[in-house]
């Protein structure tokens, strides 16, 4: 932060991550990639057996 504070430059989080990754100084991204399945793992046999949830924050890769 000292460089950006004294020289009026801005460095994005993505640029810093890309540099750290290129130098092999980071192990994994700060987000988790979740893929949708083709069908439910636990099948229902009656109504009201399955709940629903919602994402508050969803990162779309390549947007």
Protein backbone atom coordinates (compact mmCIF):
# COMPACT_ATOMS: atom_id res chain seq x y z
CA UNK A 1 0.00 0.00 0.00
CA UNK A 2 2.88 2.37 0.59
CA UNK A 3 3.66 2.61 -3.15
CA UNK A 4 0.08 3.42 -4.12
CA UNK A 5 -0.24 5.93 -1.26
CA UNK A 6 2.91 7.89 -2.11
CA UNK A 7 2.92 7.71 -5.93
CA UNK A 8 -0.81 8.05 -6.76
CA UNK A 9 -1.00 4.75 -8.66
CA UNK A 10 -3.82 2.22 -8.56
CA UNK A 11 -3.22 -1.54 -8.69
CA UNK A 12 -6.26 -3.77 -9.07
CA UNK A 13 -6.77 -6.88 -6.99
CA UNK A 14 -6.86 -8.97 -10.19
CA UNK A 15 -3.46 -7.62 -11.30
CA UNK A 16 -1.87 -8.43 -7.95
CA UNK A 17 -3.35 -11.93 -8.00
CA UNK A 18 -2.15 -12.49 -11.58
CA UNK A 19 1.41 -11.46 -10.62
CA UNK A 20 1.41 -13.62 -7.49
CA UNK A 21 0.15 -16.59 -9.49
CA UNK A 22 2.80 -16.08 -12.21
CA UNK A 23 5.50 -16.13 -9.51
CA UNK A 24 3.91 -19.19 -7.87
CA UNK A 25 3.34 -17.27 -4.64
CA UNK A 26 -0.34 -18.16 -4.23
CA UNK A 27 -2.05 -21.54 -4.12
CA UNK A 28 -5.70 -20.99 -4.98
CA UNK A 29 -8.14 -18.25 -5.95
CA UNK A 30 -10.25 -16.48 -3.34
CA UNK A 31 -13.48 -17.83 -4.82
CA UNK A 32 -14.91 -21.34 -5.10
CA UNK A 33 -16.17 -22.58 -8.45
CA UNK A 34 -19.43 -24.53 -8.18
CA UNK A 35 -20.76 -26.44 -11.17
CA UNK A 36 -24.41 -27.33 -11.54
CA UNK A 37 -25.35 -31.02 -11.76
CA UNK A 38 -27.54 -32.49 -14.47
CA UNK A 39 -30.01 -33.87 -11.92
CA UNK A 40 -30.61 -33.92 -8.17
CA UNK A 41 -28.45 -36.27 -6.11
CA UNK A 42 -31.27 -37.04 -3.64
CA UNK A 43 -34.49 -37.71 -5.51
CA UNK A 44 -37.80 -36.79 -3.90
CA UNK A 45 -40.76 -39.13 -3.57
CA UNK A 46 -43.39 -36.63 -2.34
CA UNK A 47 -44.09 -32.89 -2.33
CA UNK A 48 -42.29 -30.57 0.12
CA UNK A 49 -39.29 -32.88 0.54
CA UNK A 50 -36.72 -30.51 -0.91
CA UNK A 51 -35.81 -26.98 0.20
CA UNK A 52 -34.38 -24.10 -1.78
CA UNK A 53 -31.58 -21.63 -1.17
CA UNK A 54 -30.29 -18.49 -2.84
CA UNK A 55 -26.86 -16.93 -3.40
CA UNK A 56 -26.32 -13.47 -2.02
CA UNK A 57 -23.09 -13.12 -4.02
CA UNK A 58 -22.39 -15.05 -7.19
CA UNK A 59 -19.16 -14.51 -9.11
CA UNK A 60 -19.56 -15.23 -12.81
CA UNK A 61 -16.20 -16.19 -14.31
CA UNK A 62 -15.46 -14.48 -17.63
CA UNK A 63 -18.24 -11.89 -17.29
